[in-house]
Amino acid sequence: MCCASAAQPPATPVPSITVPNTRDPVDKSYRKMVRGMDRYARDRALAPQSTLRFRLLPRLPTVSLDGVALKVMGDHITLPVEIAPDHSFTLERNEQAWREDAALVANRKTSSMTWRAQVISSGVPEGMRRLGDLRLECLVGMEAGLISNNARMFAWLSDLLAGPDQVCTSADGNYLQFTERPLFGVTLRAGDRVAVLPFRALYAGGTQTPATLPYCDCQVLLDRSYYAPVWDRSWPDETLLEFDYMDEAPAAPPEAPPDRNAVLARLGAPLKAITFDSGYEVWQYQYPPARRMPDHPDGTPQMAELVLLFDAEGKTVKARRREP
């Protein structure tokens, strides 16, 4: 009979290893952000008197950016990043961080914030933006990979379909900009030429739904979002953008219906209606323009529009008409 096998000693427990600072797949790539800085240097002719910073913005209503901390982290290097009171920062160039393909890591869930390039030229009137600055912000932001998206399964699309030159020179590029306060209208001024941005250039195009909003950088900033015409070279770089905010005078003109019920009785249901977390609500109406206009390239007619703003109690507080 074969001998019984000798008793085996108990297996030695395998110690667990906790790796602090594990990189989140949506942390920002240090290499990409440096490439964004290089893009700024290459295209600085768009804003020759400007400075570049990067900026954090909230994506969720529950997130506070006060106290947020950032680090550049590689396999063997950690570099703290100083954040200004407005939640903006700059990055230093570091050869080791580049070699180690470091990531820019926050002490918050990265998907709870959105990131933008911030290009500011000297001499721009307070409260206004310069179009050349916004063009450069778009190029830098796309080069740096700053656009956030919770849907990681779509991350590969950003490199395949959303290159800087595709996005920033196309009317369909849809690179979102943000204002400091809830926005009602944007006016472009270049010498004697003045134009008001259409409703479709505000609030992420007015196309977001509760189902799609979590995948938009504008998730909690919808009422501050707009598309600047960075692609339209008929507007020079020195064009200034002037902002009309929801919470500032003047109020709606006397001829505007006084509240939502009066508007419905006089004009019927709006073409589009958006209600914001603040309680403000905007309605858009369209009507034939005052003078005959050629159709859009897709064959649809150009239309004039009326946009109304209501406060949380349903009172009409602002109105804007726009001819195409």
Protein backbone atom coordinates (compact mmCIF):
# COMPACT_ATOMS: atom_id res chain seq x y z
CA MET A 1 0.00 0.00 0.00
CA CYS A 2 1.30 3.37 -0.91
CA CYS A 3 2.42 5.54 1.85
CA ALA A 4 0.10 8.39 2.88
CA SER A 5 1.29 11.78 1.73
CA ALA A 6 2.86 13.98 4.36
CA ALA A 7 0.67 16.68 5.83
CA GLN A 8 1.15 20.01 4.04
CA PRO A 9 1.97 23.05 6.15
CA PRO A 10 -0.63 25.80 6.02
CA ALA A 11 -0.11 28.24 3.18
CA THR A 12 1.61 31.43 4.14
CA PRO A 13 -0.89 34.28 3.92
CA VAL A 14 -0.22 36.63 1.03
CA PRO A 15 0.04 40.14 2.38
CA SER A 16 -2.34 42.64 0.81
CA ILE A 17 -0.85 45.75 -0.68
CA THR A 18 -2.69 49.04 -0.69
CA VAL A 19 -1.57 51.36 -3.41
CA PRO A 20 -2.35 54.94 -2.44
CA ASN A 21 -3.15 57.46 -5.14
CA THR A 22 -4.30 54.85 -7.66
CA ARG A 23 -5.02 56.72 -10.84
CA ASP A 24 -8.61 57.14 -11.91
CA PRO A 25 -9.06 56.43 -15.63
CA VAL A 26 -10.50 59.93 -16.03
CA ASP A 27 -7.71 61.78 -14.24
CA LYS A 28 -6.08 64.26 -16.59
CA SER A 29 -2.97 63.24 -18.46
CA TYR A 30 0.05 65.38 -17.63
CA ARG A 31 1.46 64.77 -21.12
CA LYS A 32 -1.77 65.93 -22.76
CA MET A 33 -1.89 69.06 -20.63
CA VAL A 34 1.69 69.90 -21.55
CA ARG A 35 0.73 69.40 -25.19
CA GLY A 36 -2.05 71.91 -24.55
CA MET A 37 0.56 74.35 -23.24
CA ASP A 38 2.60 73.75 -26.39
CA ARG A 39 -0.49 74.44 -28.50
CA TYR A 40 -0.98 77.71 -26.66
CA ALA A 41 2.60 78.72 -27.53
CA ARG A 42 2.13 77.75 -31.20
CA ASP A 43 -1.16 79.60 -31.69
CA ARG A 44 -0.59 82.53 -29.38
CA ALA A 45 -1.06 84.90 -32.34
CA LEU A 46 -4.80 84.48 -31.62
CA ALA A 47 -4.23 86.21 -28.27
CA PRO A 48 -0.73 87.74 -28.22
CA GLN A 49 -1.31 89.74 -25.02
CA SER A 50 -2.75 86.84 -23.04
CA THR A 51 -1.86 84.46 -20.24
CA LEU A 52 -2.84 80.79 -19.92
CA ARG A 53 -4.21 79.07 -16.85
CA PHE A 54 -6.30 75.98 -16.33
CA ARG A 55 -9.50 76.09 -14.32
CA LEU A 56 -11.74 73.70 -12.41
CA LEU A 57 -15.53 73.97 -12.58
CA PRO A 58 -18.18 71.87 -10.78
CA ARG A 59 -20.18 69.19 -12.58
CA LEU A 60 -22.45 68.13 -9.72
CA PRO A 61 -24.62 70.31 -7.48
CA THR A 62 -23.18 68.61 -4.40
CA VAL A 63 -19.51 69.29 -5.18
CA SER A 64 -17.63 72.21 -3.66
CA LEU A 65 -14.32 73.22 -5.16
CA ASP A 66 -13.23 74.99 -1.99
CA GLY A 67 -10.43 72.95 -0.48
CA VAL A 68 -9.79 70.93 -3.63
CA ALA A 69 -6.16 69.79 -3.96
CA LEU A 70 -4.28 68.73 -7.09
CA LYS A 71 -1.08 66.75 -7.56
CA VAL A 72 0.91 65.63 -10.57
CA MET A 73 1.59 61.97 -9.82
CA GLY A 74 3.79 59.49 -11.61
CA ASP A 75 5.34 56.18 -10.58
CA HIS A 76 8.10 57.85 -8.56
CA ILE A 77 7.23 61.54 -8.52
CA THR A 78 4.62 63.72 -6.86
CA LEU A 79 4.34 67.44 -7.53
CA PRO A 80 1.82 69.62 -5.65
CA VAL A 81 -0.17 72.08 -7.77
CA GLU A 82 -1.10 75.45 -6.27
CA ILE A 83 -4.73 76.44 -6.85
CA ALA A 84 -5.83 80.09 -6.86
CA PRO A 85 -9.02 81.28 -5.09
CA ASP A 86 -10.87 81.21 -8.44
CA HIS A 87 -9.91 77.50 -8.75
CA SER A 88 -7.43 78.14 -11.55
CA PHE A 89 -3.85 76.89 -11.74
CA THR A 90 -0.76 76.57 -13.90
CA LEU A 91 1.49 73.56 -14.47
CA GLU A 92 5.25 73.42 -14.37
CA ARG A 93 7.15 71.41 -16.94
CA ASN A 94 8.92 68.43 -15.41
CA GLU A 95 10.91 65.92 -17.47
CA GLN A 96 10.45 63.06 -15.00
CA ALA A 97 6.68 63.55 -14.83
CA TRP A 98 6.63 63.48 -18.63
CA ARG A 99 8.70 60.28 -18.80
CA GLU A 100 6.51 58.54 -16.24
CA ASP A 101 3.31 59.55 -18.07
CA ALA A 102 2.06 61.19 -14.87
CA ALA A 103 -1.54 62.10 -14.18
CA LEU A 104 -3.06 65.21 -12.66
CA VAL A 105 -5.01 63.83 -9.69
CA ALA A 106 -7.57 65.65 -7.54
CA ASN A 107 -8.77 64.83 -4.03
CA ARG A 108 -12.30 64.67 -5.47
CA LYS A 109 -13.86 62.31 -7.94
CA THR A 110 -12.56 63.64 -11.23
CA SER A 111 -15.94 63.05 -12.87
CA SER A 112 -17.48 65.50 -10.39
CA MET A 113 -15.54 68.37 -11.98
CA THR A 114 -14.98 69.73 -15.44
CA TRP A 115 -11.76 71.35 -16.60
CA ARG A 116 -11.15 74.22 -18.98
CA ALA A 117 -8.28 76.24 -20.38
CA GLN A 118 -8.49 79.92 -19.42
CA VAL A 119 -6.95 82.42 -21.82
CA ILE A 120 -7.29 86.06 -20.77
CA SER A 121 -5.91 89.01 -22.75
CA SER A 122 -4.98 92.27 -21.09
CA GLY A 123 -7.15 95.27 -21.87
CA VAL A 124 -10.44 93.39 -22.28
CA PRO A 125 -13.26 95.35 -20.59
CA GLU A 126 -14.40 93.84 -17.31
CA GLY A 127 -17.17 91.29 -17.72
CA MET A 128 -16.52 90.79 -21.44
CA ARG A 129 -14.60 88.14 -23.37
CA ARG A 130 -12.46 88.41 -26.48
CA LEU A 131 -13.19 85.97 -29.30
CA GLY A 132 -9.51 85.27 -30.06
CA ASP A 133 -9.05 84.23 -26.42
CA LEU A 134 -11.98 81.82 -26.72
CA ARG A 135 -10.57 80.38 -29.95
CA LEU A 136 -7.29 79.69 -28.22
CA GLU A 137 -9.08 78.23 -25.19
CA CYS A 138 -10.82 75.77 -27.48
CA LEU A 139 -7.59 74.65 -29.16
CA VAL A 140 -5.73 74.31 -25.86
CA GLY A 141 -8.63 72.60 -24.08
CA MET A 142 -9.08 70.01 -26.82
CA GLU A 143 -5.32 69.41 -27.14
CA ALA A 144 -5.07 68.95 -23.38
CA GLY A 145 -7.97 66.49 -23.23
CA LEU A 146 -9.91 68.58 -20.73
CA ILE A 147 -13.42 67.64 -21.84
CA SER A 148 -14.98 65.48 -19.13
CA ASN A 149 -17.40 62.61 -19.63
CA ASN A 150 -18.73 60.14 -17.10
CA ALA A 151 -19.26 57.49 -19.77
CA ARG A 152 -15.83 55.89 -19.87
CA MET A 153 -16.97 53.59 -22.66
CA PHE A 154 -17.02 56.66 -24.92
CA ALA A 155 -13.54 57.87 -23.95
CA TRP A 156 -11.91 56.42 -27.08
CA LEU A 157 -14.18 58.59 -29.22
CA SER A 158 -12.60 61.77 -27.88
CA ASP A 159 -9.30 60.97 -29.55
CA LEU A 160 -10.83 59.49 -32.69
CA LEU A 161 -13.45 62.11 -33.53
CA ALA A 162 -12.72 65.22 -31.48
CA GLY A 163 -9.34 66.62 -32.46
CA PRO A 164 -8.73 70.31 -31.76
CA ASP A 165 -8.87 71.38 -35.40
CA GLN A 166 -12.01 69.36 -36.05
CA VAL A 167 -13.85 70.85 -33.09
CA CYS A 168 -12.57 74.43 -33.08
CA THR A 169 -12.95 75.17 -36.80
CA SER A 170 -16.32 73.52 -37.37
CA ALA A 171 -19.78 74.99 -36.91
CA ASP A 172 -20.72 71.63 -35.38
CA GLY A 173 -17.73 71.57 -33.02
CA ASN A 174 -19.84 72.31 -29.94
CA TYR A 175 -17.04 73.36 -27.56
CA LEU A 176 -18.85 74.68 -24.50
CA GLN A 177 -17.82 77.90 -22.80
CA PHE A 178 -19.12 79.02 -19.39
CA THR A 179 -19.95 82.37 -17.84
CA GLU A 180 -19.65 83.31 -14.17
CA ARG A 181 -23.40 83.69 -13.66
CA PRO A 182 -26.66 82.35 -15.15
CA LEU A 183 -26.90 83.62 -18.71
CA PHE A 184 -29.79 85.11 -20.67
CA GLY A 185 -28.09 86.40 -23.83
CA VAL A 186 -24.77 87.00 -25.59
CA THR A 187 -24.02 89.89 -27.96
CA LEU A 188 -21.01 90.00 -30.30
CA ARG A 189 -19.47 93.38 -31.13
CA ALA A 190 -16.81 94.04 -33.78
CA GLY A 191 -16.67 97.70 -34.79
CA ASP A 192 -20.09 98.59 -36.22
CA ARG A 193 -21.10 94.96 -36.57
CA VAL A 194 -23.36 93.70 -33.78
CA ALA A 195 -25.13 90.36 -33.51
CA VAL A 196 -26.98 88.44 -30.81
CA LEU A 197 -26.26 84.73 -30.50
CA PRO A 198 -29.31 82.57 -31.28
CA PHE A 199 -31.03 80.45 -28.67
CA ARG A 200 -29.38 77.32 -30.10
CA ALA A 201 -25.98 78.74 -29.01
CA LEU A 202 -27.06 78.84 -25.35
CA TYR A 203 -27.71 76.15 -22.73
CA ALA A 204 -25.78 73.44 -24.64
CA GLY A 205 -28.05 74.01 -27.61
CA GLY A 206 -31.25 73.47 -25.62
CA THR A 207 -31.08 69.77 -26.48
CA GLN A 208 -30.17 68.26 -23.11
CA THR A 209 -32.59 65.91 -21.37
CA PRO A 210 -32.48 64.38 -17.86
CA ALA A 211 -31.08 61.25 -19.50
CA THR A 212 -28.25 63.00 -21.39
CA LEU A 213 -27.34 65.74 -18.92
CA PRO A 214 -25.11 63.49 -16.74
CA TYR A 215 -22.82 63.03 -19.76
CA CYS A 216 -22.44 66.76 -20.43
CA ASP A 217 -19.80 69.06 -18.98
CA CYS A 218 -22.71 71.45 -18.42
CA GLN A 219 -24.40 69.07 -15.96
CA VAL A 220 -24.71 71.65 -13.19
CA LEU A 221 -23.73 74.67 -15.30
CA LEU A 222 -26.41 74.44 -17.97
CA ASP A 223 -27.66 77.98 -17.36
CA ARG A 224 -24.09 79.32 -17.71
CA SER A 225 -23.15 77.50 -20.92
CA TYR A 226 -22.85 78.87 -24.45
CA TYR A 227 -21.20 78.16 -27.79
CA ALA A 228 -19.02 81.04 -29.01
CA PRO A 229 -18.62 81.18 -32.83
CA VAL A 230 -14.91 80.35 -32.61
CA TRP A 231 -15.16 78.65 -36.02
CA ASP A 232 -16.58 81.69 -37.85
CA ARG A 233 -13.62 83.65 -39.23
CA SER A 234 -15.90 86.46 -40.43
CA TRP A 235 -15.71 87.60 -36.80
CA PRO A 236 -12.18 88.89 -36.08
CA ASP A 237 -10.18 87.86 -33.02
CA GLU A 238 -10.76 91.30 -31.49
CA THR A 239 -14.53 90.72 -31.39
CA LEU A 240 -15.91 91.25 -27.89
CA LEU A 241 -18.65 89.18 -26.29
CA GLU A 242 -21.04 91.00 -23.98
CA PHE A 243 -23.22 89.03 -21.57
CA ASP A 244 -26.76 89.64 -20.37
CA TYR A 245 -27.36 87.75 -17.13
CA MET A 246 -30.62 86.42 -15.77
CA ASP A 247 -30.31 88.24 -12.45
CA GLU A 248 -29.58 91.77 -13.68
CA ALA A 249 -31.69 94.67 -15.00
CA PRO A 250 -33.37 95.65 -17.26
CA ALA A 251 -36.57 93.75 -16.64
CA ALA A 252 -38.93 92.58 -19.37
CA PRO A 253 -40.31 95.40 -21.56
CA PRO A 254 -43.86 96.59 -20.75
CA GLU A 255 -45.34 94.91 -23.85
CA ALA A 256 -44.23 91.46 -22.68
CA PRO A 257 -47.01 89.33 -21.10
CA PRO A 258 -46.65 89.56 -17.31
CA ASP A 259 -46.42 85.84 -16.50
CA ARG A 260 -46.39 82.29 -17.90
CA ASN A 261 -50.18 81.98 -17.97
CA ALA A 262 -50.54 85.23 -19.90
CA VAL A 263 -47.83 84.12 -22.35
CA LEU A 264 -49.59 80.80 -22.95
CA ALA A 265 -52.91 82.57 -23.50
CA ARG A 266 -51.39 85.01 -26.00
CA LEU A 267 -48.72 82.94 -27.77
CA GLY A 268 -49.52 79.32 -27.06
CA ALA A 269 -46.99 76.64 -26.14
CA PRO A 270 -43.31 77.50 -26.77
CA LEU A 271 -41.11 75.70 -29.26
CA LYS A 272 -38.62 74.98 -26.45
CA ALA A 273 -38.77 75.40 -22.68
CA ILE A 274 -35.92 74.82 -20.23
CA THR A 275 -36.26 74.91 -16.44
CA PHE A 276 -33.07 75.35 -14.42
CA ASP A 277 -32.22 74.25 -10.90
CA SER A 278 -32.39 77.90 -9.81
CA GLY A 279 -36.10 78.04 -10.67
CA TYR A 280 -35.56 80.31 -13.67
CA GLU A 281 -37.16 79.14 -16.90
CA VAL A 282 -36.63 80.18 -20.53
CA TRP A 283 -39.11 79.76 -23.39
CA GLN A 284 -38.31 80.10 -27.08
CA TYR A 285 -40.76 81.04 -29.82
CA GLN A 286 -40.04 81.34 -33.55
CA TYR A 287 -41.83 83.40 -36.19
CA PRO A 288 -41.19 84.59 -39.78
CA PRO A 289 -38.50 87.28 -39.99
CA ALA A 290 -39.26 90.91 -40.81
CA ARG A 291 -37.53 90.62 -44.21
CA ARG A 292 -37.20 87.75 -46.61
CA MET A 293 -34.09 85.64 -45.92
CA PRO A 294 -32.43 82.80 -47.86
CA ASP A 295 -32.92 79.33 -46.42
CA HIS A 296 -30.26 77.60 -44.38
CA PRO A 297 -27.92 75.27 -46.35
CA ASP A 298 -30.06 72.30 -45.23
CA GLY A 299 -33.14 73.88 -46.80
CA THR A 300 -34.86 74.97 -43.58
CA PRO A 301 -36.06 78.59 -43.41
CA GLN A 302 -34.35 81.18 -41.28
CA MET A 303 -36.62 82.30 -38.46
CA ALA A 304 -36.80 85.19 -36.04
CA GLU A 305 -37.14 84.29 -32.38
CA LEU A 306 -38.56 85.52 -29.13
CA VAL A 307 -37.00 84.31 -25.87
CA LEU A 308 -38.71 84.92 -22.53
CA LEU A 309 -37.30 84.49 -19.03
CA PHE A 310 -39.50 83.64 -16.05
CA ASP A 311 -38.51 83.64 -12.40
CA ALA A 312 -39.33 80.83 -9.97
CA GLU A 313 -42.82 82.30 -9.38
CA GLY A 314 -43.64 82.37 -13.09
CA LYS A 315 -43.28 86.13 -13.52
CA THR A 316 -41.87 87.37 -16.83
CA VAL A 317 -38.60 89.13 -16.00
CA LYS A 318 -36.86 89.45 -19.38
CA ALA A 319 -37.61 89.22 -23.08
CA ARG A 320 -35.39 89.23 -26.15
CA ARG A 321 -36.24 89.35 -29.85
CA ARG A 322 -33.74 88.33 -32.51
CA GLU A 323 -33.91 88.70 -36.27
CA PRO A 324 -31.78 86.31 -38.34
